[in-house]
Amino acid sequence: MVNTDELSSHERDRDLAVQKHSVHTLVFRSLKRSHDFFVSDQGLLPPVLKEAEKLRKSVKGVDQYGPVISIVEERKRKAAAEGPLHRNDAVTKIETEGVSTAGLETSLSLFIGNKQLTPVVYPDTTTKSSTALALPAKKLSTMPKPKWHPPWKLHRVISGHLGWVRCVALEPGNEWFATGGGDRLIKIWDLASGTLKLSLTGHVGSVRGVVVSGRHPYLFSCGDDRQVKCWDLEYNKVIRHYHGHLSAVYGISLHPTIDVLVTVGRDSVARVWDMRTKANIHTLTGHTNTVGSVLTSASNPQVITGSHDSTIRLWDLAAGKSITTLTNHKKSVRALASHPDLYMFASGSTDNIKQWKCPKGEFIQNLSGHNAILNALAVNQDGVLVSGADNGSMHFWDWRTGYNFHRVQTLVQPGSMDSEAGIFAMAFDLSGTRLITCEADKTIKIYKEDDDATEESHPVDWKPDILKRRRF
């Protein structure tokens, strides 16, 4: 007779043995036993059913080649009815056209409507005499070589402003240009001689933008005093004020074909004004920070703005709404420039200079290398793009290829600190042969091409960079 005390002691020992292992250990052991049990069949695929495979191929054939299956079958029947003589003639004809038929199984010619496509020839891969059809050589993608441009050199330094020179505008006749500065003055200079012709007073803050109308004898200006003024150049007086901005006005642009004025500023909006009635037609809202630059164009997009929120917006002028927002830049967009001939524009930021194609704002390429705070961009008809920075550096680029062919570091005028080597604005004259820069040392500098430079003395040191055209 078995003692019950012994049974209970055995059960207690078994429970203790089971409880010694955690749930994690038990689960892991179970997984290992399952793996060892099925490891022999791990790499084997299930057997293929011939009927199912045949059905799959037939369904795929009808799905992809359904429109031409009947044509192929009809041609097969015709070839069989014509006999081997006609088939040999057809093969001989293909050989005379330059296609070898050694080991060919099938030669098909597909028809779509009334158009005959090129014969599709399938070689017999089982015979060594079969020759593969010659494929056209793939054209290698090549980077275009940049056009040679002569280097630019300093031609003239003009002193006259008593503060930072913040903006510049050319007259449509290319005889004089206007500048505005921190001394609250607008000065008009003779382009050929660099002599001062006129000073206009009226602003009570720094003048941040000037533009000259090509259709009226008017000059428009804006500044930190929140004022937008229209000057009559026949009387040299202010004839209109445009009130509405809530803070400093940083940029101004005239529409080339209609009497419309666009201004941008620290209040994060672009305002569209009727030139004659002074009415605020549209207030283009959407930017979340200071709007520092603006472009206008006769064709869509008629207004382009760049903001310190690192975005560029393309606007529908008629509706007063944003068409596209370009978010590629990572830093503030302080400068915009439109190409005088091509339907393109460039934007400048600390991270990159980017080129865009209108009207949709399609990204073209990056121009990398000017690692500074870019305040100004300018483009001429020869495809020379110039970028000016806060540290006084200027980079000259070939517009088409993005090749940086020349670099200049501006020099401050005697008596100025080295830290005053900064460029705030720049513009080419209408001929594209002279570059006017507005600088922090209170001077205006005029640059021109070096007439003595040749392709031999200043060769293009260009190497194709495959990784340069990054798609962002």
Protein backbone atom coordinates (compact mmCIF):
# COMPACT_ATOMS: atom_id res chain seq x y z
CA MET A 1 0.00 0.00 0.00
CA VAL A 2 1.44 3.40 -1.14
CA ASN A 3 1.83 6.01 1.52
CA THR A 4 -0.08 9.23 0.76
CA ASP A 5 2.64 11.30 2.40
CA GLU A 6 5.16 10.01 -0.16
CA LEU A 7 2.84 10.96 -3.08
CA SER A 8 2.31 14.42 -1.79
CA SER A 9 6.08 14.90 -1.37
CA HIS A 10 6.67 13.81 -5.02
CA GLU A 11 4.06 16.27 -6.25
CA ARG A 12 5.62 19.07 -4.24
CA ASP A 13 9.05 18.29 -5.73
CA ARG A 14 7.60 18.32 -9.28
CA ASP A 15 5.91 21.67 -8.71
CA LEU A 16 9.12 23.11 -7.37
CA ALA A 17 11.03 21.81 -10.44
CA VAL A 18 8.55 23.48 -12.79
CA GLN A 19 8.56 26.73 -10.91
CA LYS A 20 12.33 27.03 -11.12
CA HIS A 21 12.09 28.31 -14.76
CA SER A 22 10.57 31.63 -15.82
CA VAL A 23 7.88 32.00 -18.47
CA HIS A 24 10.44 33.57 -20.85
CA THR A 25 12.69 30.49 -20.57
CA LEU A 26 9.81 28.10 -21.17
CA VAL A 27 8.60 30.01 -24.22
CA PHE A 28 12.13 30.11 -25.66
CA ARG A 29 12.49 26.33 -25.19
CA SER A 30 9.18 25.75 -26.94
CA LEU A 31 10.32 27.89 -29.87
CA LYS A 32 13.60 26.05 -30.11
CA ARG A 33 11.86 22.65 -30.17
CA SER A 34 9.54 23.86 -32.95
CA HIS A 35 12.50 25.20 -34.95
CA ASP A 36 14.46 21.93 -34.62
CA PHE A 37 11.41 19.98 -35.69
CA PHE A 38 10.83 21.90 -38.92
CA VAL A 39 14.39 22.93 -39.80
CA SER A 40 14.81 20.16 -42.34
CA ASP A 41 12.00 21.59 -44.51
CA GLN A 42 12.99 25.21 -44.03
CA GLY A 43 14.49 25.85 -47.49
CA LEU A 44 12.13 23.71 -49.55
CA LEU A 45 9.45 25.36 -51.65
CA PRO A 46 6.04 23.78 -52.07
CA PRO A 47 5.62 21.72 -55.27
CA VAL A 48 4.38 23.57 -58.35
CA LEU A 49 1.09 22.40 -59.81
CA LYS A 50 1.35 22.24 -63.60
CA GLU A 51 -2.35 22.96 -64.09
CA ALA A 52 -2.21 26.06 -61.87
CA GLU A 53 0.94 27.36 -63.57
CA LYS A 54 -0.60 26.87 -67.01
CA LEU A 55 -3.74 28.70 -65.92
CA ARG A 56 -1.66 31.57 -64.49
CA LYS A 57 0.28 32.00 -67.75
CA SER A 58 -2.86 31.94 -69.87
CA VAL A 59 -4.56 34.56 -67.69
CA LYS A 60 -1.45 36.75 -67.80
CA GLY A 61 -1.20 36.38 -71.59
CA VAL A 62 -4.80 37.43 -72.14
CA ASP A 63 -4.40 40.33 -69.73
CA GLN A 64 -1.20 41.77 -71.24
CA TYR A 65 -1.34 40.66 -74.88
CA GLY A 66 -5.08 40.33 -75.42
CA PRO A 67 -5.33 43.01 -78.17
CA VAL A 68 -2.67 41.34 -80.36
CA ILE A 69 -3.24 37.62 -79.74
CA SER A 70 -5.85 37.41 -82.48
CA ILE A 71 -3.54 39.24 -84.92
CA VAL A 72 -0.67 36.86 -84.17
CA GLU A 73 -2.88 33.78 -84.60
CA GLU A 74 -4.24 35.11 -87.89
CA ARG A 75 -0.71 35.73 -89.22
CA LYS A 76 0.32 32.20 -88.18
CA ARG A 77 -2.59 30.74 -90.11
CA LYS A 78 -1.73 32.83 -93.17
CA ALA A 79 1.91 31.77 -93.00
CA ALA A 80 0.87 28.11 -92.75
CA ALA A 81 -1.53 28.48 -95.70
CA GLU A 82 1.07 30.20 -97.92
CA GLY A 83 3.48 27.34 -97.44
CA PRO A 84 7.23 27.18 -96.81
CA LEU A 85 8.13 29.00 -100.07
CA HIS A 86 6.54 32.27 -99.05
CA ARG A 87 7.91 31.93 -95.52
CA ASN A 88 11.45 31.57 -96.87
CA ASP A 89 10.93 34.68 -99.00
CA ALA A 90 9.86 36.62 -95.92
CA VAL A 91 12.91 35.42 -94.00
CA THR A 92 15.18 36.38 -96.91
CA LYS A 93 13.61 39.86 -96.95
CA ILE A 94 14.36 40.30 -93.25
CA GLU A 95 17.99 39.22 -93.85
CA THR A 96 18.41 41.84 -96.58
CA GLU A 97 17.18 44.50 -94.13
CA GLY A 98 20.06 43.70 -91.78
CA VAL A 99 18.58 41.17 -89.33
CA SER A 100 20.19 37.72 -89.14
CA THR A 101 17.67 34.85 -89.00
CA ALA A 102 20.02 32.06 -87.91
CA GLY A 103 18.12 30.03 -85.35
CA LEU A 104 15.01 32.22 -85.35
CA GLU A 105 11.81 30.76 -84.03
CA THR A 106 9.26 33.49 -84.71
CA SER A 107 9.13 36.81 -86.56
CA LEU A 108 6.10 38.94 -85.82
CA SER A 109 5.02 42.29 -87.19
CA LEU A 110 2.37 44.05 -85.12
CA PHE A 111 -0.16 46.48 -86.52
CA ILE A 112 -1.93 49.27 -84.64
CA GLY A 113 -4.49 50.98 -86.82
CA ASN A 114 -2.78 51.62 -90.15
CA LYS A 115 0.74 51.87 -88.67
CA GLN A 116 3.15 48.96 -88.90
CA LEU A 117 5.60 48.50 -86.05
CA THR A 118 9.12 47.13 -86.33
CA PRO A 119 9.26 43.30 -86.62
CA VAL A 120 9.76 41.66 -83.24
CA VAL A 121 12.33 38.88 -83.69
CA TYR A 122 12.82 36.22 -81.03
CA PRO A 123 16.12 34.34 -81.23
CA ASP A 124 16.36 30.65 -80.39
CA THR A 125 18.50 30.56 -77.26
CA THR A 126 19.11 26.84 -77.55
CA THR A 127 21.38 27.15 -80.60
CA LYS A 128 24.81 28.71 -80.47
CA SER A 129 24.40 30.23 -83.94
CA SER A 130 21.73 32.67 -82.79
CA THR A 131 22.81 36.30 -82.79
CA ALA A 132 21.33 38.92 -80.49
CA LEU A 133 19.77 41.98 -82.03
CA ALA A 134 21.93 45.10 -81.91
CA LEU A 135 20.51 47.62 -79.41
CA PRO A 136 21.12 51.35 -79.90
CA ALA A 137 23.88 52.66 -77.69
CA LYS A 138 22.57 54.57 -74.67
CA LYS A 139 23.56 58.20 -74.76
CA LEU A 140 25.58 59.11 -71.71
CA SER A 141 24.33 62.06 -69.68
CA THR A 142 26.96 64.77 -69.76
CA MET A 143 27.31 67.97 -67.80
CA PRO A 144 27.46 71.00 -70.11
CA LYS A 145 30.75 72.86 -70.08
CA PRO A 146 30.42 76.40 -68.73
CA LYS A 147 30.75 79.37 -71.02
CA TRP A 148 33.87 81.47 -70.53
CA HIS A 149 33.28 84.83 -68.86
CA PRO A 150 35.96 87.45 -68.21
CA PRO A 151 36.63 88.28 -64.54
CA TRP A 152 35.24 91.47 -63.09
CA LYS A 153 37.30 94.23 -61.48
CA LEU A 154 36.60 97.39 -59.49
CA HIS A 155 36.09 100.38 -61.75
CA ARG A 156 34.88 103.25 -59.54
CA VAL A 157 34.10 104.02 -55.89
CA ILE A 158 31.45 106.67 -55.20
CA SER A 159 31.16 108.28 -51.75
CA GLY A 160 28.33 110.54 -50.76
CA HIS A 161 25.92 108.80 -48.44
CA LEU A 162 26.29 109.33 -44.70
CA GLY A 163 24.89 105.91 -43.79
CA TRP A 164 24.69 102.37 -45.08
CA VAL A 165 23.65 102.28 -48.75
CA ARG A 166 20.68 99.91 -48.80
CA CYS A 167 19.16 99.94 -52.32
CA VAL A 168 19.80 100.84 -55.96
CA ALA A 169 17.68 101.24 -59.09
CA LEU A 170 18.60 101.94 -62.72
CA GLU A 171 16.82 104.45 -64.92
CA PRO A 172 15.26 102.92 -68.08
CA GLY A 173 17.41 105.16 -70.29
CA ASN A 174 20.60 103.83 -68.63
CA GLU A 175 21.87 107.36 -67.99
CA TRP A 176 21.57 107.61 -64.21
CA PHE A 177 20.79 105.49 -61.17
CA ALA A 178 19.25 106.13 -57.76
CA THR A 179 20.38 104.87 -54.35
CA GLY A 180 18.83 105.02 -50.90
CA GLY A 181 20.55 104.69 -47.57
CA GLY A 182 20.53 104.89 -43.82
CA ASP A 183 20.94 108.68 -43.99
CA ARG A 184 17.26 108.87 -45.09
CA LEU A 185 18.29 110.32 -48.46
CA ILE A 186 17.66 109.22 -52.03
CA LYS A 187 20.56 110.24 -54.23
CA ILE A 188 20.62 110.25 -58.02
CA TRP A 189 23.98 109.71 -59.71
CA ASP A 190 25.23 110.00 -63.27
CA LEU A 191 26.14 106.51 -64.45
CA ALA A 192 28.93 107.52 -66.82
CA SER A 193 30.82 109.94 -64.55
CA GLY A 194 29.62 108.91 -61.08
CA THR A 195 28.79 112.52 -60.13
CA LEU A 196 25.88 113.41 -57.87
CA LYS A 197 22.95 114.98 -59.71
CA LEU A 198 20.25 115.25 -57.06
CA SER A 199 19.36 114.44 -53.44
CA LEU A 200 15.75 113.85 -52.40
CA THR A 201 14.73 114.33 -48.78
CA GLY A 202 11.44 113.26 -47.24
CA HIS A 203 11.87 109.92 -45.51
CA VAL A 204 12.27 109.88 -41.73
CA GLY A 205 13.87 106.43 -41.64
CA SER A 206 16.35 104.37 -43.63
CA VAL A 207 15.42 104.08 -47.31
CA ARG A 208 15.19 100.34 -48.02
CA GLY A 209 13.91 100.25 -51.58
CA VAL A 210 13.82 102.40 -54.71
CA VAL A 211 12.48 101.69 -58.19
CA VAL A 212 12.15 103.86 -61.30
CA SER A 213 9.12 103.58 -63.56
CA GLY A 214 9.72 102.94 -67.24
CA ARG A 215 6.25 104.16 -68.23
CA HIS A 216 5.96 107.34 -66.12
CA PRO A 217 8.36 110.04 -64.87
CA TYR A 218 8.02 108.58 -61.37
CA LEU A 219 10.37 107.18 -58.77
CA PHE A 220 8.99 105.06 -55.92
CA SER A 221 10.67 104.55 -52.57
CA CYS A 222 10.02 102.76 -49.28
CA GLY A 223 11.75 102.62 -45.95
CA ASP A 224 11.89 101.78 -42.27
CA ASP A 225 9.47 104.61 -41.55
CA ARG A 226 6.61 102.46 -42.98
CA GLN A 227 6.15 104.97 -45.79
CA VAL A 228 5.83 104.25 -49.50
CA LYS A 229 6.29 107.42 -51.59
CA CYS A 230 5.83 108.32 -55.24
CA TRP A 231 8.18 111.05 -56.48
CA ASP A 232 7.50 113.12 -59.60
CA LEU A 233 10.91 113.52 -61.23
CA GLU A 234 9.79 116.52 -63.25
CA TYR A 235 9.27 118.52 -60.05
CA ASN A 236 11.38 116.36 -57.64
CA LYS A 237 8.52 116.29 -55.16
CA VAL A 238 6.43 113.64 -53.46
CA ILE A 239 3.02 113.49 -55.12
CA ARG A 240 1.54 110.34 -53.51
CA HIS A 241 1.77 108.36 -50.29
CA TYR A 242 0.65 104.74 -49.94
CA HIS A 243 -0.47 104.08 -46.35
CA GLY A 244 -1.12 100.62 -44.96
CA HIS A 245 2.05 98.86 -43.86
CA LEU A 246 2.21 98.18 -40.13
CA SER A 247 6.00 98.03 -39.93
CA ALA A 248 9.16 98.71 -41.91
CA VAL A 249 8.92 98.24 -45.69
CA TYR A 250 11.89 96.24 -47.02
CA GLY A 251 11.18 95.77 -50.72
CA ILE A 252 9.38 97.41 -53.61
CA SER A 253 8.70 96.42 -57.22
CA LEU A 254 6.76 97.85 -60.15
CA HIS A 255 4.65 95.73 -62.46
CA PRO A 256 6.14 96.08 -65.97
CA THR A 257 2.87 96.39 -67.89
CA ILE A 258 0.11 97.64 -65.58
CA ASP A 259 0.00 100.52 -63.09
CA VAL A 260 0.49 98.35 -60.04
CA LEU A 261 3.02 98.63 -57.22
CA VAL A 262 3.97 95.78 -54.85
CA THR A 263 5.67 96.36 -51.49
CA VAL A 264 6.79 93.89 -48.82
CA GLY A 265 8.04 94.30 -45.29
CA ARG A 266 8.28 93.26 -41.67
CA ASP A 267 4.52 92.84 -41.27
CA SER A 268 4.84 89.50 -43.19
CA VAL A 269 2.59 90.56 -46.08
CA ALA A 270 2.93 91.85 -49.61
CA ARG A 271 0.67 94.76 -50.46
CA VAL A 272 -0.50 95.50 -53.99
CA TRP A 273 -1.26 99.17 -54.66
CA ASP A 274 -3.01 100.96 -57.48
CA MET A 275 -0.38 103.48 -58.57
CA ARG A 276 -2.83 106.28 -59.35
CA THR A 277 -5.65 105.90 -56.79
CA LYS A 278 -3.33 104.78 -53.93
CA ALA A 279 -5.82 101.98 -53.15
CA ASN A 280 -4.57 98.80 -51.48
CA ILE A 281 -5.89 96.32 -54.07
CA HIS A 282 -4.66 93.13 -52.40
CA THR A 283 -2.94 92.17 -49.19
CA LEU A 284 -1.08 88.95 -49.98
CA THR A 285 -0.99 87.03 -46.71
CA GLY A 286 0.60 83.65 -46.07
CA HIS A 287 4.18 84.25 -44.97
CA THR A 288 4.87 83.80 -41.26
CA ASN A 289 7.90 86.08 -41.01
CA THR A 290 9.42 89.18 -42.57
CA VAL A 291 9.12 89.35 -46.36
CA GLY A 292 12.46 90.66 -47.57
CA SER A 293 12.32 90.54 -51.36
CA VAL A 294 9.79 90.76 -54.17
CA LEU A 295 9.77 90.31 -57.96
CA THR A 296 7.09 91.25 -60.47
CA SER A 297 6.65 89.91 -63.99
CA ALA A 298 4.35 90.50 -66.93
CA SER A 299 3.56 86.76 -67.18
CA ASN A 300 2.50 84.32 -64.49
CA PRO A 301 3.48 84.22 -61.74
CA GLN A 302 3.19 88.00 -61.73
CA VAL A 303 4.39 88.35 -58.13
CA ILE A 304 7.12 86.33 -56.37
CA THR A 305 8.08 86.93 -52.75
CA GLY A 306 10.91 85.60 -50.60
CA SER A 307 10.61 85.56 -46.84
CA HIS A 308 12.64 85.04 -43.68
CA ASP A 309 10.39 82.05 -42.97
CA SER A 310 12.61 80.30 -45.58
CA THR A 311 9.81 79.99 -48.15
CA ILE A 312 9.17 81.50 -51.57
CA ARG A 313 5.62 82.14 -52.69
CA LEU A 314 4.28 82.54 -56.22
CA TRP A 315 1.11 84.64 -56.34
CA ASP A 316 -1.90 84.94 -58.61
CA LEU A 317 -2.22 88.71 -58.93
CA ALA A 318 -5.79 88.68 -60.22
CA ALA A 319 -7.14 86.51 -57.39
CA GLY A 320 -4.75 87.77 -54.71
CA LYS A 321 -3.93 84.22 -53.64
CA SER A 322 -0.83 82.07 -53.40
CA ILE A 323 -0.34 79.62 -56.28
CA THR A 324 2.72 77.75 -55.05
CA THR A 325 4.87 77.71 -51.93
CA LEU A 326 8.50 76.63 -52.43
CA THR A 327 9.95 75.20 -49.21
CA ASN A 328 13.34 74.01 -50.46
CA HIS A 329 15.41 76.60 -48.62
CA LYS A 330 16.41 75.96 -45.02
CA LYS A 331 17.31 79.55 -44.12
CA SER A 332 15.88 83.03 -44.71
CA VAL A 333 15.41 84.01 -48.36
CA ARG A 334 16.76 87.55 -48.53
CA ALA A 335 17.36 87.93 -52.28
CA LEU A 336 15.54 87.18 -55.53
CA ALA A 337 16.61 87.90 -59.12
CA SER A 338 14.83 87.18 -62.40
CA HIS A 339 16.72 86.38 -65.59
CA PRO A 340 16.28 89.17 -68.18
CA ASP A 341 15.76 86.77 -71.09
CA LEU A 342 14.90 83.31 -69.73
CA TYR A 343 11.64 82.41 -68.00
CA MET A 344 13.51 81.69 -64.77
CA PHE A 345 14.50 83.25 -61.47
CA ALA A 346 17.04 82.65 -58.70
CA SER A 347 16.74 82.84 -54.93
CA GLY A 348 19.55 83.36 -52.46
CA SER A 349 19.85 82.05 -48.92
CA THR A 350 22.61 81.08 -46.51
CA ASP A 351 22.33 77.40 -47.46
CA ASN A 352 22.28 77.68 -51.28
CA ILE A 353 21.44 79.70 -54.33
CA LYS A 354 18.64 77.94 -56.15
CA GLN A 355 17.40 78.34 -59.70
CA TRP A 356 13.71 77.94 -60.54
CA LYS A 357 11.69 77.68 -63.70
CA CYS A 358 8.46 79.62 -64.13
CA PRO A 359 5.49 79.48 -64.11
CA LYS A 360 5.20 76.55 -61.68
CA GLY A 361 8.40 77.13 -59.75
CA GLU A 362 10.14 73.93 -60.83
CA PHE A 363 13.53 73.45 -59.19
CA ILE A 364 16.45 73.48 -61.65
CA GLN A 365 19.72 73.33 -59.72
CA ASN A 366 21.68 74.42 -56.67
CA LEU A 367 24.62 76.81 -56.77
CA SER A 368 26.63 75.88 -53.70
CA GLY A 369 29.75 77.46 -52.30
CA HIS A 370 28.84 80.97 -51.17
CA ASN A 371 28.65 80.22 -47.47
CA ALA A 372 27.51 83.55 -46.09
CA ILE A 373 24.36 85.58 -45.50
CA LEU A 374 23.33 86.55 -49.02
CA ASN A 375 21.68 89.94 -49.26
CA ALA A 376 21.61 90.52 -53.02
CA LEU A 377 21.50 88.76 -56.40
CA ALA A 378 21.82 90.18 -59.91
CA VAL A 379 21.75 88.61 -63.40
CA ASN A 380 22.69 90.07 -66.79
CA GLN A 381 21.93 89.06 -70.38
CA ASP A 382 25.22 87.14 -70.78
CA GLY A 383 24.22 84.63 -68.12
CA VAL A 384 26.38 86.04 -65.31
CA LEU A 385 24.79 85.67 -61.89
CA VAL A 386 26.34 87.62 -59.02
CA SER A 387 25.68 87.03 -55.32
CA GLY A 388 26.65 89.56 -52.65
CA ALA A 389 26.98 88.71 -48.98
CA ASP A 390 27.02 90.32 -45.57
CA ASN A 391 30.76 89.75 -45.19
CA GLY A 392 31.64 91.67 -48.38
CA SER A 393 32.24 88.62 -50.59
CA MET A 394 30.92 88.44 -54.15
CA HIS A 395 30.69 85.28 -56.23
CA PHE A 396 30.25 85.32 -59.99
CA TRP A 397 28.43 82.30 -61.47
CA ASP A 398 27.68 80.96 -64.93
CA TRP A 399 23.88 80.82 -64.99
CA ARG A 400 23.55 77.72 -67.19
CA THR A 401 25.96 75.40 -65.42
CA GLY A 402 26.25 76.95 -61.96
CA TYR A 403 30.04 77.21 -62.27
CA ASN A 404 31.64 79.76 -59.94
CA PHE A 405 34.16 81.40 -62.27
CA HIS A 406 35.23 84.39 -60.15
CA ARG A 407 35.29 85.60 -56.55
CA VAL A 408 35.83 89.10 -55.21
CA GLN A 409 36.26 90.38 -51.64
CA THR A 410 35.25 94.01 -51.39
CA LEU A 411 37.61 96.49 -49.72
CA VAL A 412 36.30 99.12 -47.31
CA GLN A 413 37.08 102.76 -47.91
CA PRO A 414 39.84 104.34 -45.78
CA GLY A 415 38.61 105.18 -42.31
CA SER A 416 36.09 102.34 -42.15
CA MET A 417 36.33 99.20 -40.05
CA ASP A 418 36.87 95.84 -41.72
CA SER A 419 33.52 94.68 -40.35
CA GLU A 420 31.83 97.27 -42.57
CA ALA A 421 32.62 95.20 -45.67
CA GLY A 422 29.05 94.21 -46.39
CA ILE A 423 26.98 94.25 -49.56
CA PHE A 424 23.30 95.15 -49.20
CA ALA A 425 22.13 95.53 -52.82
CA MET A 426 23.41 95.21 -56.36
CA ALA A 427 22.18 95.69 -59.90
CA PHE A 428 23.51 95.47 -63.44
CA ASP A 429 23.01 98.41 -65.75
CA LEU A 430 20.79 97.83 -68.77
CA SER A 431 23.76 96.90 -70.97
CA GLY A 432 24.91 94.26 -68.50
CA THR A 433 28.50 95.51 -68.61
CA ARG A 434 28.59 97.40 -65.30
CA LEU A 435 27.69 96.13 -61.86
CA ILE A 436 26.65 98.60 -59.13
CA THR A 437 26.93 97.50 -55.50
CA CYS A 438 25.65 99.24 -52.35
CA GLU A 439 27.80 98.62 -49.33
CA ALA A 440 28.03 99.03 -45.58
CA ASP A 441 31.09 101.33 -45.73
CA LYS A 442 28.71 104.06 -47.10
CA THR A 443 30.09 103.73 -50.64
CA ILE A 444 28.73 102.71 -54.02
CA LYS A 445 31.13 100.61 -56.08
CA ILE A 446 30.95 100.04 -59.82
CA TYR A 447 32.54 96.92 -61.31
CA LYS A 448 33.20 96.14 -64.95
CA GLU A 449 34.64 93.28 -66.96
CA ASP A 450 38.41 93.04 -67.28
CA ASP A 451 39.07 93.92 -70.93
CA ASP A 452 42.60 92.48 -70.83
CA ALA A 453 41.50 89.01 -69.72
CA THR A 454 41.48 86.15 -72.24
CA GLU A 455 40.64 82.47 -72.11
CA GLU A 456 44.37 81.72 -71.92
CA SER A 457 45.09 84.10 -69.05
CA HIS A 458 41.98 83.08 -67.08
CA PRO A 459 41.09 79.52 -68.17
CA VAL A 460 37.93 77.74 -67.06
CA ASP A 461 38.99 75.45 -64.23
CA TRP A 462 35.98 73.21 -64.53
CA LYS A 463 35.46 69.58 -63.55
CA PRO A 464 32.09 67.87 -63.95
CA ASP A 465 30.53 67.25 -60.56
CA ILE A 466 27.97 64.46 -60.84
CA LEU A 467 26.65 65.00 -57.34
CA LYS A 468 26.11 68.73 -57.79
CA ARG A 469 22.62 68.62 -59.25
CA ARG A 470 20.90 67.41 -56.13
CA ARG A 471 17.15 67.19 -56.52
CA PHE A 472 16.00 69.30 -53.60
